[in-house]
Amino acid sequence: MTVSLESPRSRLSSSPSVRWEDYLAVRDDPAYGDCKIAFYQGWLWVDMGKEGINHASFSDLLTAIFFLWALQHPEETYASLGRCLIEQADTHACAPDLVLYKGEGIPKWQDGEPRKIEIPRHRIPDLVGEISATSLSQDLDEQKHLYASLGIPEYWVIDVKGLRVFAFTLQE
């Protein structure tokens, strides 16, 4: 497996032949510490770029909107864990821009535990989303399939350039 550090764009391996062990090697390599990575069906995505201004602005705006929603609905418990790594051992890994939980069973980190959401130890999020400044086609296709296969019930894609939101109820 080869992953180049030179390009600031997302890379998708040319064929679905990456193993879980390859994913773990990239995940645990300090050289990839700031990268967003995902693994599904033998594919490994490594996003080498940093968040741009538009991406960061929309991410903060959506977090603020969810915060205001939670304030208006104090009877319910909410948590935003955006960009937190979600893993289902041997099959799935992702770090959505938006990760929202509602109700009981929200993952809580304990000292000495890995700093990630582990499925099935933790329950799946109620909503995940991607902010698409440069990755719209991937977010509407590969990422959507990855999240559906995890059983995540709702997925949003925010198209920064087109000023649109695509909301999906995911069904496997």
C-alpha atoms as a PDB file:
ATOM      1  CA  MET A   1       0.000   0.000   0.000  1.00  0.00           C
ATOM      2  CA  THR A   2       1.308   3.473  -0.880  1.00  0.00           C
ATOM      3  CA  VAL A   3      -0.055   6.787   0.309  1.00  0.00           C
ATOM      4  CA  SER A   4       1.578   9.995  -0.892  1.00  0.00           C
ATOM      5  CA  LEU A   5       2.021  12.916   1.472  1.00  0.00           C
ATOM      6  CA  GLU A   6       2.707  15.344  -1.369  1.00  0.00           C
ATOM      7  CA  SER A   7      -0.813  15.983  -2.606  1.00  0.00           C
ATOM      8  CA  PRO A   8      -3.322  18.077  -0.630  1.00  0.00           C
ATOM      9  CA  ARG A   9      -6.273  16.252  -2.231  1.00  0.00           C
ATOM     10  CA  SER A  10      -8.135  13.169  -1.121  1.00  0.00           C
ATOM     11  CA  ARG A  11      -6.694   9.912  -2.314  1.00  0.00           C
ATOM     12  CA  LEU A  12      -8.608   6.751  -2.989  1.00  0.00           C
ATOM     13  CA  SER A  13      -6.624   3.593  -3.540  1.00  0.00           C
ATOM     14  CA  SER A  14      -6.898   2.459  -7.164  1.00  0.00           C
ATOM     15  CA  SER A  15      -8.467  -0.887  -6.304  1.00  0.00           C
ATOM     16  CA  PRO A  16     -10.312  -2.237  -3.294  1.00  0.00           C
ATOM     17  CA  SER A  17      -7.392  -4.227  -1.909  1.00  0.00           C
ATOM     18  CA  VAL A  18      -6.505  -2.459   1.325  1.00  0.00           C
ATOM     19  CA  ARG A  19      -6.712  -4.596   4.459  1.00  0.00           C
ATOM     20  CA  TRP A  20      -7.811  -3.519   7.937  1.00  0.00           C
ATOM     21  CA  GLU A  21      -4.196  -3.877   9.054  1.00  0.00           C
ATOM     22  CA  ASP A  22      -3.167  -1.332   6.391  1.00  0.00           C
ATOM     23  CA  TYR A  23      -5.786   1.070   7.716  1.00  0.00           C
ATOM     24  CA  LEU A  24      -4.504   0.582  11.282  1.00  0.00           C
ATOM     25  CA  ALA A  25      -0.934   1.300  10.147  1.00  0.00           C
ATOM     26  CA  VAL A  26      -2.013   4.616   8.591  1.00  0.00           C
ATOM     27  CA  ARG A  27      -4.264   5.492  11.546  1.00  0.00           C
ATOM     28  CA  ASP A  28      -1.467   4.907  14.058  1.00  0.00           C
ATOM     29  CA  ASP A  29       1.331   6.565  12.043  1.00  0.00           C
ATOM     30  CA  PRO A  30       2.114  10.016  13.512  1.00  0.00           C
ATOM     31  CA  ALA A  31       2.850  11.308   9.993  1.00  0.00           C
ATOM     32  CA  TYR A  32      -0.902  11.028   9.288  1.00  0.00           C
ATOM     33  CA  GLY A  33      -1.969  12.602  12.585  1.00  0.00           C
ATOM     34  CA  ASP A  34      -3.820  15.525  11.000  1.00  0.00           C
ATOM     35  CA  CYS A  35      -5.359  13.510   8.173  1.00  0.00           C
ATOM     36  CA  LYS A  36      -8.977  12.485   7.903  1.00  0.00           C
ATOM     37  CA  ILE A  37      -9.131   8.787   7.063  1.00  0.00           C
ATOM     38  CA  ALA A  38     -11.872   6.318   6.235  1.00  0.00           C
ATOM     39  CA  PHE A  39     -11.921   2.599   5.473  1.00  0.00           C
ATOM     40  CA  TYR A  40     -14.679   0.527   3.869  1.00  0.00           C
ATOM     41  CA  GLN A  41     -14.837  -2.593   1.654  1.00  0.00           C
ATOM     42  CA  GLY A  42     -11.099  -2.626   0.997  1.00  0.00           C
ATOM     43  CA  TRP A  43     -10.918   1.086   0.176  1.00  0.00           C
ATOM     44  CA  LEU A  44      -8.853   3.564   2.158  1.00  0.00           C
ATOM     45  CA  TRP A  45      -9.473   7.308   1.898  1.00  0.00           C
ATOM     46  CA  VAL A  46      -6.763   9.619   3.200  1.00  0.00           C
ATOM     47  CA  ASP A  47      -7.632  13.312   3.103  1.00  0.00           C
ATOM     48  CA  MET A  48      -4.316  15.105   3.335  1.00  0.00           C
ATOM     49  CA  GLY A  49      -5.672  18.637   3.282  1.00  0.00           C
ATOM     50  CA  LYS A  50      -6.624  20.955   6.079  1.00  0.00           C
ATOM     51  CA  GLU A  51     -10.083  22.469   6.441  1.00  0.00           C
ATOM     52  CA  GLY A  52     -10.502  25.577   4.359  1.00  0.00           C
ATOM     53  CA  ILE A  53     -12.236  28.771   5.409  1.00  0.00           C
ATOM     54  CA  ASN A  54     -15.624  27.835   3.908  1.00  0.00           C
ATOM     55  CA  HIS A  55     -15.541  24.330   5.357  1.00  0.00           C
ATOM     56  CA  ALA A  56     -14.642  25.593   8.830  1.00  0.00           C
ATOM     57  CA  SER A  57     -17.264  28.367   8.712  1.00  0.00           C
ATOM     58  CA  PHE A  58     -20.085  25.990   7.773  1.00  0.00           C
ATOM     59  CA  SER A  59     -18.965  23.459  10.368  1.00  0.00           C
ATOM     60  CA  ASP A  60     -19.056  26.087  13.106  1.00  0.00           C
ATOM     61  CA  LEU A  61     -22.395  27.441  11.872  1.00  0.00           C
ATOM     62  CA  LEU A  62     -24.033  24.007  11.950  1.00  0.00           C
ATOM     63  CA  THR A  63     -22.666  23.296  15.414  1.00  0.00           C
ATOM     64  CA  ALA A  64     -24.141  26.620  16.595  1.00  0.00           C
ATOM     65  CA  ILE A  65     -27.513  25.786  15.007  1.00  0.00           C
ATOM     66  CA  PHE A  66     -27.582  22.388  16.748  1.00  0.00           C
ATOM     67  CA  PHE A  67     -26.666  24.090  20.028  1.00  0.00           C
ATOM     68  CA  LEU A  68     -29.596  26.506  19.640  1.00  0.00           C
ATOM     69  CA  TRP A  69     -31.902  23.569  18.818  1.00  0.00           C
ATOM     70  CA  ALA A  70     -30.755  21.776  21.972  1.00  0.00           C
ATOM     71  CA  LEU A  71     -31.410  24.899  24.071  1.00  0.00           C
ATOM     72  CA  GLN A  72     -34.994  25.003  22.790  1.00  0.00           C
ATOM     73  CA  HIS A  73     -35.499  21.296  23.591  1.00  0.00           C
ATOM     74  CA  PRO A  74     -34.079  20.847  27.111  1.00  0.00           C
ATOM     75  CA  GLU A  75     -36.180  17.724  27.678  1.00  0.00           C
ATOM     76  CA  GLU A  76     -33.821  15.768  25.402  1.00  0.00           C
ATOM     77  CA  THR A  77     -30.104  15.053  25.713  1.00  0.00           C
ATOM     78  CA  TYR A  78     -27.890  15.928  22.736  1.00  0.00           C
ATOM     79  CA  ALA A  79     -24.183  15.664  21.960  1.00  0.00           C
ATOM     80  CA  SER A  80     -22.112  16.851  19.019  1.00  0.00           C
ATOM     81  CA  LEU A  81     -18.981  14.763  18.461  1.00  0.00           C
ATOM     82  CA  GLY A  82     -18.005  16.058  15.030  1.00  0.00           C
ATOM     83  CA  ARG A  83     -14.832  14.708  13.452  1.00  0.00           C
ATOM     84  CA  CYS A  84     -14.553  11.955  16.088  1.00  0.00           C
ATOM     85  CA  LEU A  85     -13.225   8.686  14.683  1.00  0.00           C
ATOM     86  CA  ILE A  86     -15.862   5.951  14.397  1.00  0.00           C
ATOM     87  CA  GLU A  87     -14.659   2.370  13.994  1.00  0.00           C
ATOM     88  CA  GLN A  88     -16.312  -0.998  13.564  1.00  0.00           C
ATOM     89  CA  ALA A  89     -13.352  -3.364  13.804  1.00  0.00           C
ATOM     90  CA  ASP A  90     -12.198  -5.042  10.593  1.00  0.00           C
ATOM     91  CA  THR A  91     -14.835  -3.399   8.370  1.00  0.00           C
ATOM     92  CA  HIS A  92     -15.452   0.344   8.846  1.00  0.00           C
ATOM     93  CA  ALA A  93     -13.678   3.522   9.868  1.00  0.00           C
ATOM     94  CA  CYS A  94     -14.741   7.124   9.335  1.00  0.00           C
ATOM     95  CA  ALA A  95     -14.610  10.569  10.898  1.00  0.00           C
ATOM     96  CA  PRO A  96     -17.639  12.548   9.689  1.00  0.00           C
ATOM     97  CA  ASP A  97     -17.577  16.330   9.948  1.00  0.00           C
ATOM     98  CA  LEU A  98     -20.839  16.191  11.907  1.00  0.00           C
ATOM     99  CA  VAL A  99     -21.649  13.458  14.419  1.00  0.00           C
ATOM    100  CA  LEU A 100     -24.805  13.973  16.442  1.00  0.00           C
ATOM    101  CA  TYR A 101     -26.366  11.904  19.181  1.00  0.00           C
ATOM    102  CA  LYS A 102     -29.806  12.340  20.701  1.00  0.00           C
ATOM    103  CA  GLY A 103     -31.192  10.634  23.782  1.00  0.00           C
ATOM    104  CA  GLU A 104     -29.658   7.939  25.952  1.00  0.00           C
ATOM    105  CA  GLY A 105     -26.449   6.033  25.421  1.00  0.00           C
ATOM    106  CA  ILE A 106     -24.284   8.896  24.187  1.00  0.00           C
ATOM    107  CA  PRO A 107     -20.630   7.759  24.174  1.00  0.00           C
ATOM    108  CA  LYS A 108     -18.547   9.137  27.014  1.00  0.00           C
ATOM    109  CA  TRP A 109     -14.777   8.891  27.109  1.00  0.00           C
ATOM    110  CA  GLN A 110     -13.224   7.196  30.125  1.00  0.00           C
ATOM    111  CA  ASP A 111      -9.599   7.534  31.198  1.00  0.00           C
ATOM    112  CA  GLY A 112      -7.518   4.754  29.682  1.00  0.00           C
ATOM    113  CA  GLU A 113      -9.921   4.060  26.800  1.00  0.00           C
ATOM    114  CA  PRO A 114      -9.259   4.722  23.113  1.00  0.00           C
ATOM    115  CA  ARG A 115     -10.360   8.190  22.021  1.00  0.00           C
ATOM    116  CA  LYS A 116     -12.900   7.054  19.449  1.00  0.00           C
ATOM    117  CA  ILE A 117     -16.413   5.720  19.019  1.00  0.00           C
ATOM    118  CA  GLU A 118     -16.271   1.922  18.809  1.00  0.00           C
ATOM    119  CA  ILE A 119     -19.252   0.168  17.235  1.00  0.00           C
ATOM    120  CA  PRO A 120     -20.916  -1.959  18.692  1.00  0.00           C
ATOM    121  CA  ARG A 121     -19.507  -1.011  22.117  1.00  0.00           C
ATOM    122  CA  HIS A 122     -21.014   2.434  21.576  1.00  0.00           C
ATOM    123  CA  ARG A 123     -24.267   2.939  19.758  1.00  0.00           C
ATOM    124  CA  ILE A 124     -24.345   4.416  16.284  1.00  0.00           C
ATOM    125  CA  PRO A 125     -24.884   8.172  15.901  1.00  0.00           C
ATOM    126  CA  ASP A 126     -28.360   9.453  15.066  1.00  0.00           C
ATOM    127  CA  LEU A 127     -27.037  11.786  12.367  1.00  0.00           C
ATOM    128  CA  VAL A 128     -23.753  12.241  10.546  1.00  0.00           C
ATOM    129  CA  GLY A 129     -22.870  14.828   7.952  1.00  0.00           C
ATOM    130  CA  GLU A 130     -20.151  15.967   5.618  1.00  0.00           C
ATOM    131  CA  ILE A 131     -19.361  19.534   4.672  1.00  0.00           C
ATOM    132  CA  SER A 132     -18.435  19.451   1.003  1.00  0.00           C
ATOM    133  CA  ALA A 133     -16.237  22.266  -0.131  1.00  0.00           C
ATOM    134  CA  THR A 134     -14.220  20.063  -2.527  1.00  0.00           C
ATOM    135  CA  SER A 135     -15.544  16.513  -2.069  1.00  0.00           C
ATOM    136  CA  LEU A 136     -19.210  16.609  -3.124  1.00  0.00           C
ATOM    137  CA  SER A 137     -19.215  13.595  -5.457  1.00  0.00           C
ATOM    138  CA  GLN A 138     -17.422  11.389  -2.930  1.00  0.00           C
ATOM    139  CA  ASP A 139     -19.721  12.555  -0.115  1.00  0.00           C
ATOM    140  CA  LEU A 140     -22.840  11.826  -2.183  1.00  0.00           C
ATOM    141  CA  ASP A 141     -21.602   8.375  -3.210  1.00  0.00           C
ATOM    142  CA  GLU A 142     -18.899   6.467  -1.303  1.00  0.00           C
ATOM    143  CA  GLN A 143     -19.394   8.206   2.040  1.00  0.00           C
ATOM    144  CA  LYS A 144     -23.170   7.762   1.854  1.00  0.00           C
ATOM    145  CA  HIS A 145     -22.757   4.012   1.282  1.00  0.00           C
ATOM    146  CA  LEU A 146     -20.266   3.730   4.132  1.00  0.00           C
ATOM    147  CA  TYR A 147     -22.639   5.431   6.593  1.00  0.00           C
ATOM    148  CA  ALA A 148     -25.642   3.418   5.389  1.00  0.00           C
ATOM    149  CA  SER A 149     -23.731   0.166   5.890  1.00  0.00           C
ATOM    150  CA  LEU A 150     -23.024   1.176   9.496  1.00  0.00           C
ATOM    151  CA  GLY A 151     -26.766   1.579  10.047  1.00  0.00           C
ATOM    152  CA  ILE A 152     -26.625   5.330  10.642  1.00  0.00           C
ATOM    153  CA  PRO A 153     -30.214   6.509  10.170  1.00  0.00           C
ATOM    154  CA  GLU A 154     -29.665  10.025   8.816  1.00  0.00           C
ATOM    155  CA  TYR A 155     -26.964  11.636   6.677  1.00  0.00           C
ATOM    156  CA  TRP A 156     -26.569  15.235   5.551  1.00  0.00           C
ATOM    157  CA  VAL A 157     -24.266  16.625   2.891  1.00  0.00           C
ATOM    158  CA  ILE A 158     -23.742  20.379   2.954  1.00  0.00           C
ATOM    159  CA  ASP A 159     -22.664  21.652  -0.472  1.00  0.00           C
ATOM    160  CA  VAL A 160     -20.702  24.793   0.368  1.00  0.00           C
ATOM    161  CA  LYS A 161     -20.292  25.969  -3.239  1.00  0.00           C
ATOM    162  CA  GLY A 162     -23.890  25.294  -4.278  1.00  0.00           C
ATOM    163  CA  LEU A 163     -25.355  26.524  -0.970  1.00  0.00           C
ATOM    164  CA  ARG A 164     -27.465  23.350  -0.717  1.00  0.00           C
ATOM    165  CA  VAL A 165     -28.140  20.702   1.887  1.00  0.00           C
ATOM    166  CA  PHE A 166     -28.848  17.116   0.871  1.00  0.00           C
ATOM    167  CA  ALA A 167     -30.576  15.170   3.661  1.00  0.00           C
ATOM    168  CA  PHE A 168     -30.877  11.395   3.388  1.00  0.00           C
ATOM    169  CA  THR A 169     -32.712   8.796   5.395  1.00  0.00           C
ATOM    170  CA  LEU A 170     -30.338   5.881   4.978  1.00  0.00           C
ATOM    171  CA  GLN A 171     -31.625   2.383   4.441  1.00  0.00           C
ATOM    172  CA  GLU A 172     -29.403  -0.625   4.018  1.00  0.00           C
END
